[in-house]
Amino acid sequence: MTIDELQNEVVEEFSDFTDWMDKYQLLIDLGSDMEPLEEKYKTEDNLINGCQSRVWIHADYHDGLLTFQAESDALIVKGLIALLLRVLSDHTPQEILDADLFFIDSIGLRDHLSPTRSNGLLAMVKQIRAYALAYHTKEHAET
């Protein structure tokens, strides 16, 4: 599936709920369903700066695709990272760099997150894009 198709899925899933308490519960459930990040990836290099809670993102690059794994010690933040990984993982660096992450506004996250969580979400997106840029640059340096 394309990044836009995955985003549309997320928007549709969240549109089933009108109450933000239900949407927060969905975020918590999504985070709870994530596979735990292996301890060897919980390093300073993978720790996201700008997040109030602790968030680690690890990237693997295989066959032209970036795959992400992550974990957070905060339930809602873990749900946010689960959404980002669902949308962006298993795509090429170029697809990730070109992605317009419209789902964040479409489901109302920007309006319903505290300023610190909103900053953390932006920091996570920035880090994922930094990984994509690094692998994109590496791809083109090797050709």
C-alpha atoms as a PDB file:
ATOM      1  CA  MET A   1       0.000   0.000   0.000  1.00  0.00           C
ATOM      2  CA  THR A   2       1.108   3.558  -0.616  1.00  0.00           C
ATOM      3  CA  ILE A   3       1.722   6.018   2.194  1.00  0.00           C
ATOM      4  CA  ASP A   4      -1.420   7.944   1.200  1.00  0.00           C
ATOM      5  CA  GLU A   5      -3.521   4.769   1.216  1.00  0.00           C
ATOM      6  CA  LEU A   6      -2.234   3.925   4.686  1.00  0.00           C
ATOM      7  CA  GLN A   7      -2.997   7.457   5.870  1.00  0.00           C
ATOM      8  CA  ASN A   8      -6.533   7.174   4.497  1.00  0.00           C
ATOM      9  CA  GLU A   9      -6.933   3.936   6.474  1.00  0.00           C
ATOM     10  CA  VAL A  10      -5.871   5.719   9.665  1.00  0.00           C
ATOM     11  CA  VAL A  11      -8.246   8.626   8.994  1.00  0.00           C
ATOM     12  CA  GLU A  12     -11.100   6.192   8.399  1.00  0.00           C
ATOM     13  CA  GLU A  13     -10.283   4.238  11.565  1.00  0.00           C
ATOM     14  CA  PHE A  14     -10.309   7.410  13.672  1.00  0.00           C
ATOM     15  CA  SER A  15     -13.470   8.759  12.009  1.00  0.00           C
ATOM     16  CA  ASP A  16     -15.396   5.934  13.686  1.00  0.00           C
ATOM     17  CA  PHE A  17     -15.024   7.901  16.947  1.00  0.00           C
ATOM     18  CA  THR A  18     -16.354  11.370  17.727  1.00  0.00           C
ATOM     19  CA  ASP A  19     -15.311  11.520  21.376  1.00  0.00           C
ATOM     20  CA  TRP A  20     -11.635  12.302  21.949  1.00  0.00           C
ATOM     21  CA  MET A  21     -11.481  10.002  24.957  1.00  0.00           C
ATOM     22  CA  ASP A  22     -12.283   7.137  22.569  1.00  0.00           C
ATOM     23  CA  LYS A  23      -9.593   8.360  20.154  1.00  0.00           C
ATOM     24  CA  TYR A  24      -7.047   8.495  22.979  1.00  0.00           C
ATOM     25  CA  GLN A  25      -8.049   4.940  23.911  1.00  0.00           C
ATOM     26  CA  LEU A  26      -7.481   3.880  20.294  1.00  0.00           C
ATOM     27  CA  LEU A  27      -4.011   5.455  20.416  1.00  0.00           C
ATOM     28  CA  ILE A  28      -3.244   3.606  23.651  1.00  0.00           C
ATOM     29  CA  ASP A  29      -4.481   0.335  22.131  1.00  0.00           C
ATOM     30  CA  LEU A  30      -2.329   0.842  19.010  1.00  0.00           C
ATOM     31  CA  GLY A  31       0.708   1.475  21.179  1.00  0.00           C
ATOM     32  CA  SER A  32      -0.022  -1.557  23.333  1.00  0.00           C
ATOM     33  CA  ASP A  33      -0.138  -3.754  20.218  1.00  0.00           C
ATOM     34  CA  MET A  34       3.384  -2.751  19.146  1.00  0.00           C
ATOM     35  CA  GLU A  35       6.183  -5.254  19.420  1.00  0.00           C
ATOM     36  CA  PRO A  36       8.618  -4.162  22.137  1.00  0.00           C
ATOM     37  CA  LEU A  37      11.885  -2.718  20.882  1.00  0.00           C
ATOM     38  CA  GLU A  38      14.876  -4.930  21.541  1.00  0.00           C
ATOM     39  CA  GLU A  39      17.031  -3.607  24.371  1.00  0.00           C
ATOM     40  CA  LYS A  40      20.072  -3.387  22.074  1.00  0.00           C
ATOM     41  CA  TYR A  41      18.275  -0.619  20.112  1.00  0.00           C
ATOM     42  CA  LYS A  42      17.469   1.470  23.189  1.00  0.00           C
ATOM     43  CA  THR A  43      20.590   3.569  22.770  1.00  0.00           C
ATOM     44  CA  GLU A  44      21.346   7.274  22.998  1.00  0.00           C
ATOM     45  CA  ASP A  45      21.703   7.335  19.193  1.00  0.00           C
ATOM     46  CA  ASN A  46      18.124   6.088  18.775  1.00  0.00           C
ATOM     47  CA  LEU A  47      16.655   8.313  21.503  1.00  0.00           C
ATOM     48  CA  ILE A  48      14.573  11.180  20.095  1.00  0.00           C
ATOM     49  CA  ASN A  49      15.500  14.658  21.271  1.00  0.00           C
ATOM     50  CA  GLY A  50      12.561  16.972  21.809  1.00  0.00           C
ATOM     51  CA  CYS A  51      10.234  14.425  23.384  1.00  0.00           C
ATOM     52  CA  GLN A  52       9.203  14.830  27.001  1.00  0.00           C
ATOM     53  CA  SER A  53       8.857  11.057  27.304  1.00  0.00           C
ATOM     54  CA  ARG A  54      11.534   8.649  26.185  1.00  0.00           C
ATOM     55  CA  VAL A  55      11.148   7.514  22.573  1.00  0.00           C
ATOM     56  CA  TRP A  56      13.541   5.340  20.627  1.00  0.00           C
ATOM     57  CA  ILE A  57      13.349   4.817  16.869  1.00  0.00           C
ATOM     58  CA  HIS A  58      15.507   2.283  15.067  1.00  0.00           C
ATOM     59  CA  ALA A  59      15.724   2.066  11.273  1.00  0.00           C
ATOM     60  CA  ASP A  60      16.717  -0.905   9.123  1.00  0.00           C
ATOM     61  CA  TYR A  61      17.337  -0.662   5.393  1.00  0.00           C
ATOM     62  CA  HIS A  62      16.789  -3.745   3.217  1.00  0.00           C
ATOM     63  CA  ASP A  63      16.094  -4.081  -0.492  1.00  0.00           C
ATOM     64  CA  GLY A  64      15.558  -0.342  -0.907  1.00  0.00           C
ATOM     65  CA  LEU A  65      12.975  -0.076   1.902  1.00  0.00           C
ATOM     66  CA  LEU A  66      13.225   1.485   5.331  1.00  0.00           C
ATOM     67  CA  THR A  67      11.660  -0.431   8.191  1.00  0.00           C
ATOM     68  CA  PHE A  68      11.243   1.201  11.567  1.00  0.00           C
ATOM     69  CA  GLN A  69      10.907  -0.161  15.069  1.00  0.00           C
ATOM     70  CA  ALA A  70      10.211   2.042  18.049  1.00  0.00           C
ATOM     71  CA  GLU A  71       9.161   2.227  21.641  1.00  0.00           C
ATOM     72  CA  SER A  72       8.141   4.828  24.185  1.00  0.00           C
ATOM     73  CA  ASP A  73       7.638   4.795  27.916  1.00  0.00           C
ATOM     74  CA  ALA A  74       4.401   6.831  27.583  1.00  0.00           C
ATOM     75  CA  LEU A  75       1.171   5.166  26.443  1.00  0.00           C
ATOM     76  CA  ILE A  76      -0.251   7.867  24.165  1.00  0.00           C
ATOM     77  CA  VAL A  77       3.174   8.636  22.692  1.00  0.00           C
ATOM     78  CA  LYS A  78       3.607   4.937  21.987  1.00  0.00           C
ATOM     79  CA  GLY A  79       0.315   5.098  20.067  1.00  0.00           C
ATOM     80  CA  LEU A  80       1.548   8.118  18.094  1.00  0.00           C
ATOM     81  CA  ILE A  81       4.720   6.326  17.088  1.00  0.00           C
ATOM     82  CA  ALA A  82       2.674   3.228  16.193  1.00  0.00           C
ATOM     83  CA  LEU A  83       0.683   5.387  13.754  1.00  0.00           C
ATOM     84  CA  LEU A  84       3.831   6.880  12.228  1.00  0.00           C
ATOM     85  CA  LEU A  85       5.398   3.457  11.786  1.00  0.00           C
ATOM     86  CA  ARG A  86       2.214   2.032  10.304  1.00  0.00           C
ATOM     87  CA  VAL A  87       2.172   4.798   7.686  1.00  0.00           C
ATOM     88  CA  LEU A  88       5.901   5.185   6.955  1.00  0.00           C
ATOM     89  CA  SER A  89       7.586   1.838   7.599  1.00  0.00           C
ATOM     90  CA  ASP A  90       8.392  -0.432   4.628  1.00  0.00           C
ATOM     91  CA  HIS A  91       8.667   2.368   2.087  1.00  0.00           C
ATOM     92  CA  THR A  92      11.568   3.774   0.110  1.00  0.00           C
ATOM     93  CA  PRO A  93      13.498   6.730   1.508  1.00  0.00           C
ATOM     94  CA  GLN A  94      12.204   8.874  -1.378  1.00  0.00           C
ATOM     95  CA  GLU A  95       8.566   7.959  -0.632  1.00  0.00           C
ATOM     96  CA  ILE A  96       9.081   8.933   3.011  1.00  0.00           C
ATOM     97  CA  LEU A  97      10.739  12.215   2.066  1.00  0.00           C
ATOM     98  CA  ASP A  98       7.940  13.047  -0.389  1.00  0.00           C
ATOM     99  CA  ALA A  99       5.110  12.118   1.992  1.00  0.00           C
ATOM    100  CA  ASP A 100       2.638  14.785   3.054  1.00  0.00           C
ATOM    101  CA  LEU A 101       1.536  13.492   6.441  1.00  0.00           C
ATOM    102  CA  PHE A 102      -2.030  14.764   6.167  1.00  0.00           C
ATOM    103  CA  PHE A 103      -3.435  12.210   8.613  1.00  0.00           C
ATOM    104  CA  ILE A 104      -2.041  14.156  11.588  1.00  0.00           C
ATOM    105  CA  ASP A 105      -4.380  17.090  10.910  1.00  0.00           C
ATOM    106  CA  SER A 106      -7.174  14.981   9.421  1.00  0.00           C
ATOM    107  CA  ILE A 107      -7.729  13.025  12.637  1.00  0.00           C
ATOM    108  CA  GLY A 108      -7.288  16.144  14.778  1.00  0.00           C
ATOM    109  CA  LEU A 109      -4.035  15.232  16.508  1.00  0.00           C
ATOM    110  CA  ARG A 110      -2.535  18.703  16.182  1.00  0.00           C
ATOM    111  CA  ASP A 111      -5.572  20.211  17.930  1.00  0.00           C
ATOM    112  CA  HIS A 112      -5.904  17.610  20.678  1.00  0.00           C
ATOM    113  CA  LEU A 113      -2.343  16.963  21.795  1.00  0.00           C
ATOM    114  CA  SER A 114      -0.651  18.937  24.523  1.00  0.00           C
ATOM    115  CA  PRO A 115       2.121  21.242  23.259  1.00  0.00           C
ATOM    116  CA  THR A 116       4.799  18.893  24.598  1.00  0.00           C
ATOM    117  CA  ARG A 117       3.244  15.846  22.881  1.00  0.00           C
ATOM    118  CA  SER A 118       2.805  17.852  19.690  1.00  0.00           C
ATOM    119  CA  ASN A 119       6.481  18.832  19.792  1.00  0.00           C
ATOM    120  CA  GLY A 120       7.382  15.208  20.427  1.00  0.00           C
ATOM    121  CA  LEU A 121       5.332  14.084  17.433  1.00  0.00           C
ATOM    122  CA  LEU A 122       7.140  16.603  15.232  1.00  0.00           C
ATOM    123  CA  ALA A 123      10.489  15.397  16.627  1.00  0.00           C
ATOM    124  CA  MET A 124       9.581  11.792  15.745  1.00  0.00           C
ATOM    125  CA  VAL A 125       8.583  12.775  12.197  1.00  0.00           C
ATOM    126  CA  LYS A 126      11.792  14.782  11.860  1.00  0.00           C
ATOM    127  CA  GLN A 127      13.901  11.799  12.978  1.00  0.00           C
ATOM    128  CA  ILE A 128      12.162   9.387  10.594  1.00  0.00           C
ATOM    129  CA  ARG A 129      12.736  11.849   7.750  1.00  0.00           C
ATOM    130  CA  ALA A 130      16.376  12.243   8.815  1.00  0.00           C
ATOM    131  CA  TYR A 131      16.825   8.464   8.509  1.00  0.00           C
ATOM    132  CA  ALA A 132      15.146   8.567   5.088  1.00  0.00           C
ATOM    133  CA  LEU A 133      17.397  11.403   3.935  1.00  0.00           C
ATOM    134  CA  ALA A 134      20.523   9.612   5.154  1.00  0.00           C
ATOM    135  CA  TYR A 135      19.625   6.392   3.323  1.00  0.00           C
ATOM    136  CA  HIS A 136      18.492   8.319   0.232  1.00  0.00           C
ATOM    137  CA  THR A 137      21.839  10.120   0.145  1.00  0.00           C
ATOM    138  CA  LYS A 138      23.683   6.836   0.653  1.00  0.00           C
ATOM    139  CA  GLU A 139      21.706   5.203  -2.191  1.00  0.00           C
ATOM    140  CA  HIS A 140      22.683   7.955  -4.613  1.00  0.00           C
ATOM    141  CA  ALA A 141      26.310   8.010  -3.464  1.00  0.00           C
ATOM    142  CA  GLU A 142      26.628   4.320  -4.326  1.00  0.00           C
ATOM    143  CA  THR A 143      25.273   4.661  -7.883  1.00  0.00           C
END
